[in-house]
Amino acid sequence: MNPTPTTHHTWCTAAHSDATACFHADLASLGVHLNGCPQVHRHLLTLYGAGASIHGFVATRLVTTLVVLGTLLGLVYWVL
């Protein structure tokens, strides 16, 4: 039989010793830092989200996107 995996961890970091025990003040300051980071870099996060959306659109429609871009470039070359 397969053992049931446990989801309870006794540490807060990647270290497996008691020397790295979690302190409430450390976790509180980490929470404050993580809440403040997105607000400082919100423009970069917006650009990252837009880039991810464009990448997802293009990646799922690669052949169609290449045909449309080729057609547009052909039309521009023909007009000029």
N, C-alpha and C. Protein backbone atom coordinates (compact mmCIF):
# COMPACT_ATOMS: atom_id res chain seq x y z
N MET A 1 0.83 -1.19 0.00
CA MET A 1 0.00 0.00 0.00
C MET A 1 0.88 1.25 0.00
N ASN A 2 0.35 2.27 -0.60
CA ASN A 2 1.05 3.55 -0.62
C ASN A 2 0.75 4.31 0.66
N PRO A 3 1.78 4.88 1.29
CA PRO A 3 1.51 5.68 2.50
C PRO A 3 0.81 6.98 2.13
N THR A 4 -0.02 7.47 3.02
CA THR A 4 -0.73 8.73 2.82
C THR A 4 0.25 9.88 3.04
N PRO A 5 0.41 10.78 2.07
CA PRO A 5 1.33 11.91 2.27
C PRO A 5 0.78 12.88 3.30
N THR A 6 1.68 13.41 4.09
CA THR A 6 1.29 14.40 5.09
C THR A 6 1.52 15.79 4.52
N THR A 7 0.66 16.70 4.83
CA THR A 7 0.80 18.08 4.34
C THR A 7 1.28 19.02 5.44
N HIS A 8 1.48 18.52 6.65
CA HIS A 8 1.90 19.36 7.77
C HIS A 8 3.42 19.40 7.83
N HIS A 9 3.99 20.59 7.78
CA HIS A 9 5.44 20.75 7.88
C HIS A 9 5.75 21.38 9.22
N THR A 10 6.92 21.04 9.74
CA THR A 10 7.31 21.58 11.03
C THR A 10 8.34 22.69 10.90
N TRP A 11 8.61 23.17 9.68
CA TRP A 11 9.55 24.24 9.48
C TRP A 11 8.96 25.29 8.55
N CYS A 12 9.55 26.48 8.58
CA CYS A 12 9.05 27.58 7.75
C CYS A 12 9.99 27.92 6.61
N THR A 13 11.18 27.37 6.64
CA THR A 13 12.14 27.63 5.58
C THR A 13 12.57 26.32 4.97
N ALA A 14 13.52 26.38 4.06
CA ALA A 14 14.00 25.17 3.42
C ALA A 14 14.94 24.38 4.33
N ALA A 15 15.42 24.98 5.41
CA ALA A 15 16.30 24.28 6.33
C ALA A 15 15.50 23.32 7.19
N HIS A 16 16.12 22.23 7.55
CA HIS A 16 15.43 21.20 8.32
C HIS A 16 15.96 21.12 9.75
N SER A 17 16.24 22.23 10.37
CA SER A 17 16.75 22.19 11.75
C SER A 17 15.93 23.14 12.62
N ASP A 18 16.08 22.99 13.92
CA ASP A 18 15.35 23.85 14.86
C ASP A 18 15.94 25.25 14.94
N ALA A 19 17.15 25.45 14.42
CA ALA A 19 17.79 26.77 14.48
C ALA A 19 17.05 27.78 13.61
N THR A 20 16.25 27.31 12.71
CA THR A 20 15.55 28.22 11.80
C THR A 20 14.07 28.31 12.16
N ALA A 21 13.77 28.23 13.43
CA ALA A 21 12.37 28.29 13.88
C ALA A 21 11.75 29.62 13.47
N CYS A 22 10.48 29.60 13.17
CA CYS A 22 9.78 30.80 12.74
C CYS A 22 9.43 31.68 13.94
N PHE A 23 9.69 32.93 13.79
CA PHE A 23 9.30 33.90 14.81
C PHE A 23 8.17 34.74 14.25
N HIS A 24 7.23 35.10 15.10
CA HIS A 24 6.07 35.86 14.66
C HIS A 24 6.48 37.21 14.07
N ALA A 25 7.46 37.86 14.65
CA ALA A 25 7.90 39.16 14.15
C ALA A 25 8.50 39.03 12.74
N ASP A 26 9.25 37.96 12.52
CA ASP A 26 9.83 37.74 11.19
C ASP A 26 8.73 37.52 10.16
N LEU A 27 7.75 36.70 10.49
CA LEU A 27 6.66 36.43 9.57
C LEU A 27 5.82 37.68 9.32
N ALA A 28 5.64 38.51 10.36
CA ALA A 28 4.87 39.74 10.20
C ALA A 28 5.61 40.71 9.27
N SER A 29 6.93 40.86 9.46
CA SER A 29 7.68 41.77 8.59
C SER A 29 7.74 41.24 7.16
N LEU A 30 7.79 39.93 6.99
CA LEU A 30 7.75 39.36 5.65
C LEU A 30 6.40 39.64 4.99
N GLY A 31 5.32 39.53 5.76
CA GLY A 31 3.99 39.84 5.23
C GLY A 31 3.87 41.29 4.80
N VAL A 32 4.41 42.20 5.60
CA VAL A 32 4.38 43.62 5.25
C VAL A 32 5.18 43.87 3.97
N HIS A 33 6.33 43.21 3.88
CA HIS A 33 7.16 43.38 2.69
C HIS A 33 6.45 42.84 1.45
N LEU A 34 5.87 41.67 1.54
CA LEU A 34 5.19 41.08 0.39
C LEU A 34 3.95 41.86 -0.02
N ASN A 35 3.28 42.48 0.93
CA ASN A 35 2.12 43.32 0.60
C ASN A 35 2.55 44.63 -0.05
N GLY A 36 3.74 45.12 0.28
CA GLY A 36 4.21 46.39 -0.27
C GLY A 36 4.85 46.27 -1.63
N CYS A 37 5.44 45.12 -1.94
CA CYS A 37 6.15 44.94 -3.22
C CYS A 37 5.27 45.16 -4.44
N PRO A 38 4.09 44.54 -4.52
CA PRO A 38 3.29 44.74 -5.73
C PRO A 38 2.86 46.20 -5.93
N GLN A 39 2.71 46.95 -4.85
CA GLN A 39 2.28 48.33 -4.99
C GLN A 39 3.42 49.21 -5.48
N VAL A 40 4.65 48.86 -5.15
CA VAL A 40 5.80 49.63 -5.61
C VAL A 40 6.03 49.39 -7.09
N HIS A 41 5.88 48.16 -7.53
CA HIS A 41 6.18 47.79 -8.90
C HIS A 41 4.92 47.46 -9.70
N ARG A 42 3.84 48.19 -9.47
CA ARG A 42 2.58 47.85 -10.11
C ARG A 42 2.63 48.05 -11.62
N HIS A 43 3.42 49.02 -12.08
CA HIS A 43 3.53 49.25 -13.53
C HIS A 43 4.25 48.08 -14.20
N LEU A 44 5.30 47.58 -13.55
CA LEU A 44 6.01 46.44 -14.10
C LEU A 44 5.13 45.19 -14.07
N LEU A 45 4.36 45.04 -13.02
CA LEU A 45 3.45 43.90 -12.95
C LEU A 45 2.38 43.99 -14.02
N THR A 46 1.92 45.20 -14.32
CA THR A 46 0.94 45.39 -15.40
C THR A 46 1.55 45.01 -16.74
N LEU A 47 2.78 45.46 -16.99
CA LEU A 47 3.46 45.10 -18.23
C LEU A 47 3.70 43.60 -18.32
N TYR A 48 4.06 42.99 -17.20
CA TYR A 48 4.28 41.55 -17.18
C TYR A 48 2.98 40.81 -17.50
N GLY A 49 1.88 41.26 -16.93
CA GLY A 49 0.59 40.64 -17.20
C GLY A 49 0.18 40.79 -18.65
N ALA A 50 0.42 41.97 -19.21
CA ALA A 50 0.10 42.19 -20.63
C ALA A 50 0.97 41.32 -21.52
N GLY A 51 2.23 41.22 -21.19
CA GLY A 51 3.13 40.36 -21.96
C GLY A 51 2.74 38.90 -21.88
N ALA A 52 2.33 38.45 -20.70
CA ALA A 52 1.89 37.06 -20.54
C ALA A 52 0.61 36.81 -21.34
N SER A 53 -0.29 37.78 -21.37
CA SER A 53 -1.52 37.62 -22.16
C SER A 53 -1.21 37.55 -23.65
N ILE A 54 -0.34 38.43 -24.12
CA ILE A 54 0.03 38.42 -25.54
C ILE A 54 0.74 37.12 -25.89
N HIS A 55 1.64 36.67 -25.01
CA HIS A 55 2.35 35.42 -25.25
C HIS A 55 1.38 34.25 -25.32
N GLY A 56 0.42 34.22 -24.41
CA GLY A 56 -0.58 33.15 -24.43
C GLY A 56 -1.42 33.18 -25.69
N PHE A 57 -1.77 34.34 -26.15
CA PHE A 57 -2.56 34.47 -27.38
C PHE A 57 -1.76 34.00 -28.58
N VAL A 58 -0.52 34.46 -28.68
CA VAL A 58 0.30 34.13 -29.84
C VAL A 58 0.70 32.64 -29.80
N ALA A 59 1.02 32.13 -28.63
CA ALA A 59 1.46 30.75 -28.54
C ALA A 59 0.37 29.77 -28.94
N THR A 60 -0.87 30.08 -28.63
CA THR A 60 -1.96 29.17 -28.99
C THR A 60 -2.38 29.33 -30.43
N ARG A 61 -2.00 30.43 -31.05
CA ARG A 61 -2.39 30.69 -32.44
C ARG A 61 -1.17 31.02 -33.28
N LEU A 62 -0.12 30.22 -33.16
CA LEU A 62 1.16 30.54 -33.78
C LEU A 62 1.06 30.56 -35.31
N VAL A 63 0.50 29.56 -35.90
CA VAL A 63 0.45 29.49 -37.36
C VAL A 63 -0.42 30.61 -37.91
N THR A 64 -1.57 30.84 -37.30
CA THR A 64 -2.46 31.91 -37.75
C THR A 64 -1.77 33.27 -37.60
N THR A 65 -1.08 33.47 -36.50
CA THR A 65 -0.38 34.73 -36.28
C THR A 65 0.70 34.93 -37.33
N LEU A 66 1.45 33.88 -37.66
CA LEU A 66 2.48 34.00 -38.69
C LEU A 66 1.88 34.31 -40.06
N VAL A 67 0.76 33.70 -40.39
CA VAL A 67 0.10 33.98 -41.67
C VAL A 67 -0.38 35.42 -41.73
N VAL A 68 -0.99 35.89 -40.64
CA VAL A 68 -1.47 37.29 -40.61
C VAL A 68 -0.30 38.25 -40.71
N LEU A 69 0.78 38.01 -39.97
CA LEU A 69 1.94 38.89 -40.05
C LEU A 69 2.56 38.86 -41.44
N GLY A 70 2.65 37.68 -42.05
CA GLY A 70 3.18 37.58 -43.41
C GLY A 70 2.32 38.33 -44.41
N THR A 71 1.01 38.22 -44.27
CA THR A 71 0.09 38.92 -45.16
C THR A 71 0.24 40.43 -45.00
N LEU A 72 0.32 40.89 -43.76
CA LEU A 72 0.48 42.33 -43.53
C LEU A 72 1.80 42.84 -44.10
N LEU A 73 2.87 42.09 -43.89
CA LEU A 73 4.15 42.50 -44.44
C LEU A 73 4.12 42.50 -45.97
N GLY A 74 3.44 41.51 -46.56
CA GLY A 74 3.29 41.47 -48.01
C GLY A 74 2.51 42.65 -48.53
N LEU A 75 1.44 43.04 -47.84
CA LEU A 75 0.65 44.19 -48.25
C LEU A 75 1.45 45.49 -48.14
N VAL A 76 2.21 45.61 -47.06
CA VAL A 76 3.02 46.82 -46.88
C VAL A 76 4.07 46.89 -47.98
N TYR A 77 4.70 45.76 -48.31
CA TYR A 77 5.72 45.74 -49.37
C TYR A 77 5.10 46.06 -50.72
N TRP A 78 3.90 45.55 -50.98
CA TRP A 78 3.19 45.78 -52.24
C TRP A 78 2.78 47.25 -52.39
N VAL A 79 2.32 47.86 -51.28
CA VAL A 79 1.88 49.26 -51.32
C VAL A 79 3.08 50.19 -51.50
N LEU A 80 4.18 49.90 -50.84
CA LEU A 80 5.35 50.77 -50.95
C LEU A 80 6.07 50.47 -52.24
